[in-house]
Amino acid sequence: MKDDRWKNLNVSKLPDELAYRVYVFTRNFPKEERYGITSQLRRAALSIPTNIVEGYSRKGDRELSRFLSISLGSMAETKYLLHFCLKLEYLSEKDYREINEGYEALGKMLWRFYEKLK
């Protein structure tokens, strides 16, 4: 079934893991941020793998390319929000560096995949 083939994509594994890590990190954010930066960061991080999955389930490379573009935008948003969380001291330097390195690697991977489709 085509809808499950995304599970075999290398490009879907890292964003899934990173979104999970964002959810874990944000469990410790201040309660007053529940509907603020916590929610925004979680939605942005989860948007990356969900757009890859949705794009992959559509017909053709053009649709996939469009959804990859959305994923790239969500990734930029996620990276900014993580940086902002570091400034607010919601994340430690170590945790920030670790997850940011993951998003740097993901950005390169997604961009190569996106360029390949064009």
C-alpha atoms as a PDB file:
ATOM      1  CA  MET A   1       0.000   0.000   0.000  1.00  0.00           C
ATOM      2  CA  LYS A   2       1.449   3.345  -1.059  1.00  0.00           C
ATOM      3  CA  ASP A   3       0.366   5.147   2.113  1.00  0.00           C
ATOM      4  CA  ASP A   4       2.819   3.087   4.196  1.00  0.00           C
ATOM      5  CA  ARG A   5       5.843   3.380   1.905  1.00  0.00           C
ATOM      6  CA  TRP A   6       7.004   6.549   3.651  1.00  0.00           C
ATOM      7  CA  LYS A   7       8.165   4.308   6.522  1.00  0.00           C
ATOM      8  CA  ASN A   8      10.945   3.026   4.255  1.00  0.00           C
ATOM      9  CA  LEU A   9      12.152   6.505   3.315  1.00  0.00           C
ATOM     10  CA  ASN A  10      15.411   7.497   4.986  1.00  0.00           C
ATOM     11  CA  VAL A  11      14.293  11.114   4.807  1.00  0.00           C
ATOM     12  CA  SER A  12      11.282  10.381   7.052  1.00  0.00           C
ATOM     13  CA  LYS A  13      13.196   8.738   9.914  1.00  0.00           C
ATOM     14  CA  LEU A  14      15.268  11.680  11.154  1.00  0.00           C
ATOM     15  CA  PRO A  15      12.414  14.220  11.231  1.00  0.00           C
ATOM     16  CA  ASP A  16      10.300  11.696  13.133  1.00  0.00           C
ATOM     17  CA  GLU A  17      13.063  11.240  15.730  1.00  0.00           C
ATOM     18  CA  LEU A  18      13.669  14.991  16.008  1.00  0.00           C
ATOM     19  CA  ALA A  19       9.958  15.741  16.484  1.00  0.00           C
ATOM     20  CA  TYR A  20       9.862  13.127  19.228  1.00  0.00           C
ATOM     21  CA  ARG A  21      12.853  14.766  20.930  1.00  0.00           C
ATOM     22  CA  VAL A  22      11.176  18.180  20.736  1.00  0.00           C
ATOM     23  CA  TYR A  23       8.140  16.714  22.482  1.00  0.00           C
ATOM     24  CA  VAL A  24      10.376  15.233  25.197  1.00  0.00           C
ATOM     25  CA  PHE A  25      12.307  18.495  25.708  1.00  0.00           C
ATOM     26  CA  THR A  26       9.158  20.596  25.902  1.00  0.00           C
ATOM     27  CA  ARG A  27       7.679  18.476  28.697  1.00  0.00           C
ATOM     28  CA  ASN A  28       9.907  20.454  31.044  1.00  0.00           C
ATOM     29  CA  PHE A  29       9.034  23.899  29.702  1.00  0.00           C
ATOM     30  CA  PRO A  30       7.191  26.269  32.061  1.00  0.00           C
ATOM     31  CA  LYS A  31       3.466  25.589  32.387  1.00  0.00           C
ATOM     32  CA  GLU A  32       2.652  29.166  31.367  1.00  0.00           C
ATOM     33  CA  GLU A  33       4.175  28.381  27.949  1.00  0.00           C
ATOM     34  CA  ARG A  34       1.795  25.471  27.331  1.00  0.00           C
ATOM     35  CA  TYR A  35      -0.243  27.433  24.768  1.00  0.00           C
ATOM     36  CA  GLY A  36       2.644  29.657  23.749  1.00  0.00           C
ATOM     37  CA  ILE A  37       6.085  28.585  22.620  1.00  0.00           C
ATOM     38  CA  THR A  38       5.581  24.949  23.690  1.00  0.00           C
ATOM     39  CA  SER A  39       2.609  24.559  21.376  1.00  0.00           C
ATOM     40  CA  GLN A  40       4.223  26.514  18.530  1.00  0.00           C
ATOM     41  CA  LEU A  41       7.472  24.536  18.708  1.00  0.00           C
ATOM     42  CA  ARG A  42       5.694  21.189  18.836  1.00  0.00           C
ATOM     43  CA  ARG A  43       3.485  22.060  15.862  1.00  0.00           C
ATOM     44  CA  ALA A  44       6.439  23.294  13.801  1.00  0.00           C
ATOM     45  CA  ALA A  45       8.549  20.215  14.613  1.00  0.00           C
ATOM     46  CA  LEU A  46       5.696  17.807  13.866  1.00  0.00           C
ATOM     47  CA  SER A  47       4.872  19.630  10.635  1.00  0.00           C
ATOM     48  CA  ILE A  48       8.167  18.470   9.118  1.00  0.00           C
ATOM     49  CA  PRO A  49       7.530  14.703   9.115  1.00  0.00           C
ATOM     50  CA  THR A  50       3.786  15.047   8.552  1.00  0.00           C
ATOM     51  CA  ASN A  51       4.330  17.091   5.389  1.00  0.00           C
ATOM     52  CA  ILE A  52       6.864  14.546   4.129  1.00  0.00           C
ATOM     53  CA  VAL A  53       4.347  11.755   4.708  1.00  0.00           C
ATOM     54  CA  GLU A  54       1.513  13.701   3.098  1.00  0.00           C
ATOM     55  CA  GLY A  55       3.638  14.687   0.107  1.00  0.00           C
ATOM     56  CA  TYR A  56       4.861  11.150  -0.380  1.00  0.00           C
ATOM     57  CA  SER A  57       1.299   9.834  -0.389  1.00  0.00           C
ATOM     58  CA  ARG A  58       0.261  12.248  -3.163  1.00  0.00           C
ATOM     59  CA  LYS A  59       0.616  11.631  -6.874  1.00  0.00           C
ATOM     60  CA  GLY A  60       3.856  12.591  -8.502  1.00  0.00           C
ATOM     61  CA  ASP A  61       7.075  14.375  -7.752  1.00  0.00           C
ATOM     62  CA  ARG A  62       5.545  17.820  -8.179  1.00  0.00           C
ATOM     63  CA  GLU A  63       3.235  17.294  -5.202  1.00  0.00           C
ATOM     64  CA  LEU A  64       6.018  15.737  -3.143  1.00  0.00           C
ATOM     65  CA  SER A  65       8.259  18.681  -3.984  1.00  0.00           C
ATOM     66  CA  ARG A  66       5.592  21.129  -2.789  1.00  0.00           C
ATOM     67  CA  PHE A  67       5.235  19.346   0.546  1.00  0.00           C
ATOM     68  CA  LEU A  68       9.011  19.109   0.958  1.00  0.00           C
ATOM     69  CA  SER A  69       9.135  22.870   0.499  1.00  0.00           C
ATOM     70  CA  ILE A  70       6.616  23.247   3.324  1.00  0.00           C
ATOM     71  CA  SER A  71       8.729  20.888   5.454  1.00  0.00           C
ATOM     72  CA  LEU A  72      11.802  23.033   4.819  1.00  0.00           C
ATOM     73  CA  GLY A  73       9.891  26.108   5.967  1.00  0.00           C
ATOM     74  CA  SER A  74       8.703  24.319   9.092  1.00  0.00           C
ATOM     75  CA  MET A  75      12.258  23.234   9.777  1.00  0.00           C
ATOM     76  CA  ALA A  76      13.470  26.843   9.637  1.00  0.00           C
ATOM     77  CA  GLU A  77      10.682  27.824  12.032  1.00  0.00           C
ATOM     78  CA  THR A  78      11.612  24.975  14.387  1.00  0.00           C
ATOM     79  CA  LYS A  79      15.277  25.963  14.383  1.00  0.00           C
ATOM     80  CA  TYR A  80      14.417  29.571  15.206  1.00  0.00           C
ATOM     81  CA  LEU A  81      12.084  28.546  18.027  1.00  0.00           C
ATOM     82  CA  LEU A  82      14.763  26.268  19.488  1.00  0.00           C
ATOM     83  CA  HIS A  83      17.200  29.181  19.377  1.00  0.00           C
ATOM     84  CA  PHE A  84      14.650  31.383  21.133  1.00  0.00           C
ATOM     85  CA  CYS A  85      14.090  28.689  23.777  1.00  0.00           C
ATOM     86  CA  LEU A  86      17.836  28.653  24.397  1.00  0.00           C
ATOM     87  CA  LYS A  87      17.755  32.432  24.948  1.00  0.00           C
ATOM     88  CA  LEU A  88      14.920  31.962  27.429  1.00  0.00           C
ATOM     89  CA  GLU A  89      16.986  29.229  29.103  1.00  0.00           C
ATOM     90  CA  TYR A  90      14.297  26.612  28.518  1.00  0.00           C
ATOM     91  CA  LEU A  91      16.964  24.427  26.864  1.00  0.00           C
ATOM     92  CA  SER A  92      20.503  23.770  28.034  1.00  0.00           C
ATOM     93  CA  GLU A  93      23.404  24.592  25.692  1.00  0.00           C
ATOM     94  CA  LYS A  94      24.118  20.862  25.390  1.00  0.00           C
ATOM     95  CA  ASP A  95      20.531  19.936  24.487  1.00  0.00           C
ATOM     96  CA  TYR A  96      20.318  22.842  22.053  1.00  0.00           C
ATOM     97  CA  ARG A  97      23.567  21.901  20.282  1.00  0.00           C
ATOM     98  CA  GLU A  98      22.530  18.268  20.066  1.00  0.00           C
ATOM     99  CA  ILE A  99      19.112  18.885  18.548  1.00  0.00           C
ATOM    100  CA  ASN A 100      20.340  21.741  16.353  1.00  0.00           C
ATOM    101  CA  GLU A 101      22.965  19.420  14.835  1.00  0.00           C
ATOM    102  CA  GLY A 102      20.142  17.023  14.022  1.00  0.00           C
ATOM    103  CA  TYR A 103      18.195  19.767  12.277  1.00  0.00           C
ATOM    104  CA  GLU A 104      21.310  20.887  10.380  1.00  0.00           C
ATOM    105  CA  ALA A 105      21.751  17.328   9.075  1.00  0.00           C
ATOM    106  CA  LEU A 106      18.051  17.114   8.266  1.00  0.00           C
ATOM    107  CA  GLY A 107      18.161  20.396   6.351  1.00  0.00           C
ATOM    108  CA  LYS A 108      20.931  19.102   4.112  1.00  0.00           C
ATOM    109  CA  MET A 109      19.110  15.818   3.585  1.00  0.00           C
ATOM    110  CA  LEU A 110      15.782  17.476   2.768  1.00  0.00           C
ATOM    111  CA  TRP A 111      17.388  20.013   0.448  1.00  0.00           C
ATOM    112  CA  ARG A 112      19.179  17.281  -1.533  1.00  0.00           C
ATOM    113  CA  PHE A 113      15.932  15.337  -1.821  1.00  0.00           C
ATOM    114  CA  TYR A 114      14.040  18.484  -2.854  1.00  0.00           C
ATOM    115  CA  GLU A 115      16.651  19.396  -5.496  1.00  0.00           C
ATOM    116  CA  LYS A 116      16.606  15.856  -6.854  1.00  0.00           C
ATOM    117  CA  LEU A 117      12.878  16.158  -7.556  1.00  0.00           C
ATOM    118  CA  LYS A 118      13.154  19.460  -9.442  1.00  0.00           C
END
